[in-house]
Amino acid sequence: MAFLSLALASFGQDNLQQALDEAAQAIENAGKVQAEPQKPNYWKTSAVTDLGFNQTSLTNWAAGGYNTLNLSAAFDAQANFSKKLMNWSNRLQLNYAFLWSADKVDLIQKSADRIYLESKWTYRTGENSKWNYSASYDFRSQFTDTKDKYEKNEITGKWDGTLKSSFFAPAYTNIAFGMDWKPNNWFDVSIAPLTGGFTICNMEILRQSYGMKLKDEGLDASEGANYRSALFQFGAQMKANARWTVNDVFGIETQLVLFTDYLNDPFRKTRVNWDNKISWQLGKYFKISANTWLIYDPIVLIKNDAHPEGTQMIQFKEFLSFNFTYTFKSLAR
């Protein structure tokens, strides 16, 4: 009887201790919420803003010149989605700048104006393949009127010039289907044998200069009034991109786009767009940047004193600025 009593007492003590341990553990875990596993984020986004300022002041300067002030702004936003073999990249680039000069005190002249939107979907042909099926869309235009050869109206006292471009005058939009080759992280090239798009011009006076066709043959086409507002083109496009960065301080970016129209003298008339961007980061918030844009469009007529009726020419623009810059980023997990 004594042995049995001791055994029961020992068994009861063990059960009591186990019960007390379980109760303490339950109390300890009562306030904890089970954390849900973090979902992967397939998006990587960034946005860079640049504000530039250039100023020239002359006092008793024997060589002559004018006091000038130049202000510029740029915005570059990217949103890229990547999951397994699929990738969807989007980029919006905006540039605007204006110039004030003492020789035209009450006139603000535009020196840079650009809207450029790119969106591209790709799907790799294999896990380790450097080739992708691709579909892309791009849009180019500008914000406001561009004029040159300014003259002052002696009666009204206002400046006026020759209109060269405006919002959606022109605008270029393209959809392309083809293949991408991306051998490394800094270079890729797209070959799109099926590319269709429109050149749009919503200002009648400019339509003849941008290759618009007549609504009806034989009509008087003075001032572009009888030209269509859009020109459809269908052809092949090649787009090459290259990017180099040195220690996140010095960067070079270049893009070359070639397009030939199957419907209008293909492979003999080719549209060329070549954009270059060089940047040098000075500390965290300051940057020197240089941009160049080269365009050759066989359907665009450039008018000047030597060619009053207009002729095909290479167009080139260069813009150098010292900027205050700020970068917003959201990195994929």
Protein backbone atom coordinates (compact mmCIF):
# COMPACT_ATOMS: atom_id res chain seq x y z
CA MET A 1 0.00 0.00 0.00
CA ALA A 2 2.85 2.39 0.87
CA PHE A 3 4.66 1.62 -2.42
CA LEU A 4 1.47 2.17 -4.44
CA SER A 5 0.80 5.49 -2.67
CA LEU A 6 4.30 6.77 -3.49
CA ALA A 7 3.94 5.75 -7.15
CA LEU A 8 0.57 7.53 -7.51
CA ALA A 9 1.93 10.63 -5.79
CA SER A 10 4.93 10.73 -8.14
CA PHE A 11 2.71 10.26 -11.24
CA GLY A 12 0.36 13.02 -10.08
CA GLN A 13 3.26 15.40 -9.48
CA ASP A 14 4.61 14.80 -13.00
CA ASN A 15 1.18 15.49 -14.54
CA LEU A 16 0.77 18.62 -12.44
CA GLN A 17 4.19 19.95 -13.50
CA GLN A 18 3.40 19.27 -17.17
CA ALA A 19 0.06 21.04 -16.85
CA LEU A 20 1.73 24.05 -15.23
CA ASP A 21 4.36 24.22 -18.02
CA GLU A 22 1.67 24.08 -20.73
CA ALA A 23 -0.35 26.81 -19.01
CA ALA A 24 2.71 29.09 -18.74
CA GLN A 25 3.52 28.56 -22.41
CA ALA A 26 -0.08 29.33 -23.41
CA ILE A 27 -0.01 32.57 -21.39
CA GLU A 28 3.30 33.58 -22.98
CA ASN A 29 1.98 33.00 -26.54
CA ALA A 30 -1.43 34.57 -25.91
CA GLY A 31 -0.35 38.08 -26.98
CA LYS A 32 1.59 36.98 -30.05
CA VAL A 33 0.07 37.17 -33.54
CA GLN A 34 1.29 34.63 -36.02
CA ALA A 35 3.14 36.58 -38.72
CA GLU A 36 2.04 35.83 -42.25
CA PRO A 37 4.78 34.95 -44.73
CA GLN A 38 5.87 38.00 -46.73
CA LYS A 39 4.64 37.98 -50.30
CA PRO A 40 7.23 38.60 -53.00
CA ASN A 41 7.19 41.99 -54.71
CA TYR A 42 7.76 41.62 -58.45
CA TRP A 43 7.85 45.38 -59.11
CA LYS A 44 10.89 47.64 -59.12
CA THR A 45 10.16 51.34 -59.45
CA SER A 46 12.17 54.55 -59.42
CA ALA A 47 11.75 58.24 -60.22
CA VAL A 48 14.43 60.89 -60.70
CA THR A 49 13.72 64.63 -60.72
CA ASP A 50 16.23 67.22 -61.95
CA LEU A 51 16.02 71.01 -61.63
CA GLY A 52 18.67 72.96 -63.55
CA PHE A 53 19.75 76.60 -63.47
CA ASN A 54 22.16 78.53 -65.70
CA GLN A 55 22.81 82.27 -65.56
CA THR A 56 25.06 84.77 -67.33
CA SER A 57 25.60 88.35 -66.17
CA LEU A 58 27.72 90.90 -68.09
CA THR A 59 28.84 94.30 -66.80
CA ASN A 60 30.89 96.59 -69.05
CA TRP A 61 31.93 93.51 -71.05
CA ALA A 62 33.95 94.79 -74.02
CA ALA A 63 33.32 91.67 -76.15
CA GLY A 64 29.57 92.19 -75.85
CA GLY A 65 26.73 89.78 -75.13
CA TYR A 66 23.50 89.66 -73.17
CA ASN A 67 22.48 88.74 -69.66
CA THR A 68 20.67 85.40 -69.80
CA LEU A 69 18.77 83.09 -67.49
CA ASN A 70 17.97 79.44 -68.23
CA LEU A 71 15.79 77.18 -66.10
CA SER A 72 15.19 73.49 -66.83
CA ALA A 73 13.30 70.56 -65.32
CA ALA A 74 13.43 66.84 -66.05
CA PHE A 75 11.54 63.81 -64.78
CA ASP A 76 12.51 60.19 -65.41
CA ALA A 77 10.25 57.47 -63.94
CA GLN A 78 10.49 53.70 -64.37
CA ALA A 79 8.24 50.82 -63.32
CA ASN A 80 9.43 47.30 -64.14
CA PHE A 81 7.66 44.00 -63.45
CA SER A 82 9.63 40.74 -63.53
CA LYS A 83 8.38 37.23 -62.73
CA LYS A 84 10.01 34.02 -63.92
CA LEU A 85 10.38 34.31 -67.71
CA MET A 86 8.18 37.40 -68.13
CA ASN A 87 9.20 41.04 -67.91
CA TRP A 88 7.22 44.25 -68.39
CA SER A 89 9.20 47.52 -68.40
CA ASN A 90 7.77 51.05 -68.50
CA ARG A 91 9.58 54.39 -68.67
CA LEU A 92 8.38 58.01 -68.88
CA GLN A 93 10.83 60.83 -69.66
CA LEU A 94 9.81 64.50 -69.50
CA ASN A 95 12.04 67.51 -70.25
CA TYR A 96 11.24 71.20 -70.29
CA ALA A 97 13.43 74.33 -70.25
CA PHE A 98 13.11 77.99 -71.09
CA LEU A 99 15.48 80.88 -71.71
CA TRP A 100 15.29 84.59 -70.89
CA SER A 101 17.67 86.98 -72.63
CA ALA A 102 18.17 90.70 -72.05
CA ASP A 103 17.88 91.47 -75.77
CA LYS A 104 14.23 90.27 -75.62
CA VAL A 105 13.25 91.48 -72.15
CA ASP A 106 9.57 90.56 -72.24
CA LEU A 107 9.95 87.25 -74.08
CA ILE A 108 10.41 83.75 -72.66
CA GLN A 109 11.87 81.35 -75.24
CA LYS A 110 11.64 77.58 -74.99
CA SER A 111 14.95 75.72 -75.19
CA ALA A 112 13.91 72.10 -74.43
CA ASP A 113 10.58 70.28 -74.60
CA ARG A 114 10.09 66.51 -74.75
CA ILE A 115 7.58 63.80 -73.85
CA TYR A 116 8.75 60.22 -74.34
CA LEU A 117 6.88 57.14 -73.12
CA GLU A 118 8.08 53.55 -73.61
CA SER A 119 6.39 50.30 -72.60
CA LYS A 120 7.74 46.84 -73.49
CA TRP A 121 6.61 43.30 -72.65
CA THR A 122 9.03 40.40 -73.12
CA TYR A 123 8.94 36.65 -72.54
CA ARG A 124 12.15 34.63 -72.59
CA THR A 125 12.32 31.69 -74.95
CA GLY A 126 14.07 29.59 -72.27
CA GLU A 127 15.40 29.65 -68.72
CA ASN A 128 18.94 30.57 -69.78
CA SER A 129 18.09 32.05 -73.18
CA LYS A 130 19.21 35.52 -74.27
CA TRP A 131 16.30 35.83 -76.71
CA ASN A 132 12.83 37.12 -75.85
CA TYR A 133 9.52 37.44 -77.60
CA SER A 134 8.59 41.13 -77.41
CA ALA A 135 5.76 43.59 -77.87
CA SER A 136 6.39 47.30 -77.36
CA TYR A 137 4.67 50.68 -77.49
CA ASP A 138 6.21 54.15 -77.60
CA PHE A 139 4.97 57.74 -77.85
CA ARG A 140 6.82 61.00 -78.54
CA SER A 141 5.62 64.59 -78.53
CA GLN A 142 6.14 67.96 -76.80
CA PHE A 143 4.17 70.17 -74.37
CA THR A 144 3.89 73.65 -75.90
CA ASP A 145 4.39 75.72 -79.06
CA THR A 146 7.90 76.08 -80.45
CA LYS A 147 8.72 79.19 -82.49
CA ASP A 148 11.80 80.79 -84.01
CA LYS A 149 12.71 83.94 -86.00
CA TYR A 150 11.01 86.16 -83.43
CA GLU A 151 10.04 89.69 -84.45
CA LYS A 152 8.42 92.38 -82.32
CA ASN A 153 5.12 93.87 -83.42
CA GLU A 154 5.63 97.63 -83.26
CA ILE A 155 1.91 98.25 -82.69
CA THR A 156 1.12 95.70 -79.97
CA GLY A 157 4.65 95.50 -78.57
CA LYS A 158 4.45 91.69 -78.48
CA TRP A 159 6.92 89.18 -79.89
CA ASP A 160 5.83 86.63 -82.47
CA GLY A 161 7.69 84.05 -84.52
CA THR A 162 7.36 81.21 -86.99
CA LEU A 163 5.53 78.21 -85.53
CA LYS A 164 7.60 75.01 -85.76
CA SER A 165 5.78 72.52 -83.49
CA SER A 166 3.15 72.22 -80.77
CA PHE A 167 1.43 69.65 -78.53
CA PHE A 168 0.48 66.68 -80.76
CA ALA A 169 1.97 68.57 -83.70
CA PRO A 170 3.70 66.35 -84.33
CA ALA A 171 3.25 63.25 -82.17
CA TYR A 172 4.63 59.80 -82.99
CA THR A 173 3.11 56.57 -81.72
CA ASN A 174 4.19 53.01 -82.58
CA ILE A 175 3.32 49.42 -81.69
CA ALA A 176 5.99 46.81 -82.53
CA PHE A 177 6.11 42.99 -82.42
CA GLY A 178 9.32 41.00 -82.73
CA MET A 179 12.27 39.56 -80.82
CA ASP A 180 14.75 40.93 -78.26
CA TRP A 181 18.36 39.91 -77.83
CA LYS A 182 19.86 40.73 -74.42
CA PRO A 183 23.37 39.22 -74.05
CA ASN A 184 24.13 41.11 -70.79
CA ASN A 185 22.72 43.66 -68.35
CA TRP A 186 23.97 46.76 -70.17
CA PHE A 187 22.98 46.09 -73.79
CA ASP A 188 19.87 44.93 -75.62
CA VAL A 189 18.52 45.16 -79.15
CA SER A 190 14.95 44.72 -80.43
CA ILE A 191 14.12 43.62 -83.97
CA ALA A 192 10.47 44.16 -84.86
CA PRO A 193 9.50 43.28 -88.45
CA LEU A 194 5.87 44.13 -87.64
CA THR A 195 5.69 47.78 -86.58
CA GLY A 196 2.73 50.06 -87.15
CA GLY A 197 2.13 53.60 -86.04
CA PHE A 198 0.86 57.09 -86.73
CA THR A 199 2.46 60.46 -87.20
CA ILE A 200 -0.12 62.92 -85.88
CA CYS A 201 -0.32 66.68 -86.50
CA ASN A 202 -3.34 68.54 -85.11
CA MET A 203 -2.32 71.96 -86.48
CA GLU A 204 -3.28 72.52 -90.10
CA ILE A 205 -0.49 74.97 -90.86
CA LEU A 206 2.18 72.37 -89.99
CA ARG A 207 0.77 69.26 -91.70
CA GLN A 208 2.60 69.68 -95.00
CA SER A 209 5.96 69.95 -93.20
CA TYR A 210 5.40 66.65 -91.36
CA GLY A 211 4.54 64.52 -94.38
CA MET A 212 0.75 64.50 -94.16
CA LYS A 213 -1.07 63.46 -97.35
CA LEU A 214 -3.78 65.43 -99.11
CA LYS A 215 -7.39 64.61 -98.25
CA ASP A 216 -8.31 64.72 -101.93
CA GLU A 217 -5.88 65.08 -104.83
CA GLY A 218 -6.14 68.29 -106.83
CA LEU A 219 -7.33 70.52 -103.96
CA ASP A 220 -5.56 73.72 -103.02
CA ALA A 221 -3.20 72.79 -100.18
CA SER A 222 -2.26 76.31 -99.08
CA GLU A 223 -1.42 76.59 -95.36
CA GLY A 224 -1.88 72.84 -95.00
CA ALA A 225 -5.66 73.18 -94.73
CA ASN A 226 -6.45 70.23 -96.98
CA TYR A 227 -3.94 67.79 -95.53
CA ARG A 228 -4.96 64.89 -93.34
CA SER A 229 -4.25 65.13 -89.61
CA ALA A 230 -2.50 61.74 -89.35
CA LEU A 231 -0.23 59.56 -91.46
CA PHE A 232 -0.25 55.78 -90.99
CA GLN A 233 3.03 53.92 -91.44
CA PHE A 234 3.69 50.18 -91.35
CA GLY A 235 7.17 48.75 -91.50
CA ALA A 236 10.13 47.34 -89.56
CA GLN A 237 11.89 48.78 -86.53
CA MET A 238 15.23 48.16 -84.84
CA LYS A 239 15.88 49.62 -81.38
CA ALA A 240 19.22 49.29 -79.54
CA ASN A 241 19.90 50.38 -75.94
CA ALA A 242 23.21 50.58 -74.08
CA ARG A 243 23.90 51.74 -70.50
CA TRP A 244 27.19 52.10 -68.61
CA THR A 245 27.69 53.20 -65.00
CA VAL A 246 30.99 53.80 -63.18
CA ASN A 247 30.74 53.63 -59.36
CA ASP A 248 27.19 55.05 -59.46
CA VAL A 249 28.76 58.44 -60.21
CA PHE A 250 29.36 58.60 -63.97
CA GLY A 251 26.77 57.22 -66.36
CA ILE A 252 26.21 57.01 -70.11
CA GLU A 253 22.97 55.94 -71.77
CA THR A 254 22.28 55.74 -75.50
CA GLN A 255 19.35 54.59 -77.63
CA LEU A 256 19.26 54.20 -81.43
CA VAL A 257 15.94 53.62 -83.22
CA LEU A 258 15.69 52.88 -86.96
CA PHE A 259 12.36 52.58 -88.79
CA THR A 260 11.59 51.91 -92.45
CA ASP A 261 8.11 52.14 -93.95
CA TYR A 262 7.00 49.19 -96.10
CA LEU A 263 4.38 51.47 -97.69
CA ASN A 264 6.76 54.22 -98.83
CA ASP A 265 10.06 53.31 -100.50
CA PRO A 266 11.17 50.74 -97.87
CA PHE A 267 14.84 50.42 -96.84
CA ARG A 268 15.75 53.45 -98.93
CA LYS A 269 13.97 55.92 -96.65
CA THR A 270 14.74 55.24 -92.99
CA ARG A 271 13.77 57.32 -89.97
CA VAL A 272 16.56 57.69 -87.40
CA ASN A 273 16.26 58.68 -83.73
CA TRP A 274 19.47 58.68 -81.68
CA ASP A 275 19.29 59.84 -78.05
CA ASN A 276 22.28 60.16 -75.69
CA LYS A 277 22.43 61.00 -72.00
CA ILE A 278 25.60 61.58 -69.97
CA SER A 279 25.46 62.32 -66.23
CA TRP A 280 28.05 63.00 -63.53
CA GLN A 281 26.80 62.89 -59.94
CA LEU A 282 28.42 65.55 -57.69
CA GLY A 283 27.59 64.48 -54.16
CA LYS A 284 24.12 63.35 -53.21
CA TYR A 285 21.95 66.12 -54.64
CA PHE A 286 23.86 67.73 -57.52
CA LYS A 287 24.54 66.50 -61.01
CA ILE A 288 25.96 67.70 -64.32
CA SER A 289 24.11 66.26 -67.29
CA ALA A 290 24.42 66.49 -71.05
CA ASN A 291 21.75 65.33 -73.48
CA THR A 292 21.85 65.10 -77.27
CA TRP A 293 19.07 64.22 -79.70
CA LEU A 294 19.63 63.45 -83.39
CA ILE A 295 16.72 62.94 -85.78
CA TYR A 296 16.53 62.23 -89.48
CA ASP A 297 13.03 61.79 -90.87
CA PRO A 298 12.73 61.52 -94.68
CA ILE A 299 9.15 62.80 -94.67
CA VAL A 300 9.80 65.92 -92.54
CA LEU A 301 10.63 69.12 -94.44
CA ILE A 302 12.95 71.68 -92.81
CA LYS A 303 12.33 75.22 -94.05
CA ASN A 304 14.98 77.95 -93.94
CA ASP A 305 16.24 80.86 -96.03
CA ALA A 306 18.14 78.53 -98.38
CA HIS A 307 15.18 76.14 -98.73
CA PRO A 308 11.93 78.12 -98.35
CA GLU A 309 9.87 75.18 -99.62
CA GLY A 310 11.56 72.79 -97.21
CA THR A 311 13.96 69.87 -97.60
CA GLN A 312 15.09 66.77 -95.67
CA MET A 313 17.87 67.52 -93.16
CA ILE A 314 19.51 66.03 -90.09
CA GLN A 315 18.10 67.57 -86.91
CA PHE A 316 20.38 67.87 -83.85
CA LYS A 317 19.89 69.27 -80.36
CA GLU A 318 22.32 69.43 -77.40
CA PHE A 319 21.48 70.46 -73.84
CA LEU A 320 23.99 70.85 -70.97
CA SER A 321 22.89 71.71 -67.43
CA PHE A 322 23.90 71.76 -63.77
CA ASN A 323 21.06 70.21 -61.77
CA PHE A 324 19.69 69.72 -58.31
CA THR A 325 18.55 66.08 -58.39
CA TYR A 326 16.50 63.81 -56.15
CA THR A 327 15.83 60.09 -56.62
CA PHE A 328 12.86 58.08 -55.34
CA LYS A 329 13.29 54.30 -55.35
CA SER A 330 11.34 51.17 -54.44
CA LEU A 331 13.40 48.00 -54.82
CA ALA A 332 11.86 44.57 -55.44
CA ARG A 333 12.14 42.02 -52.62
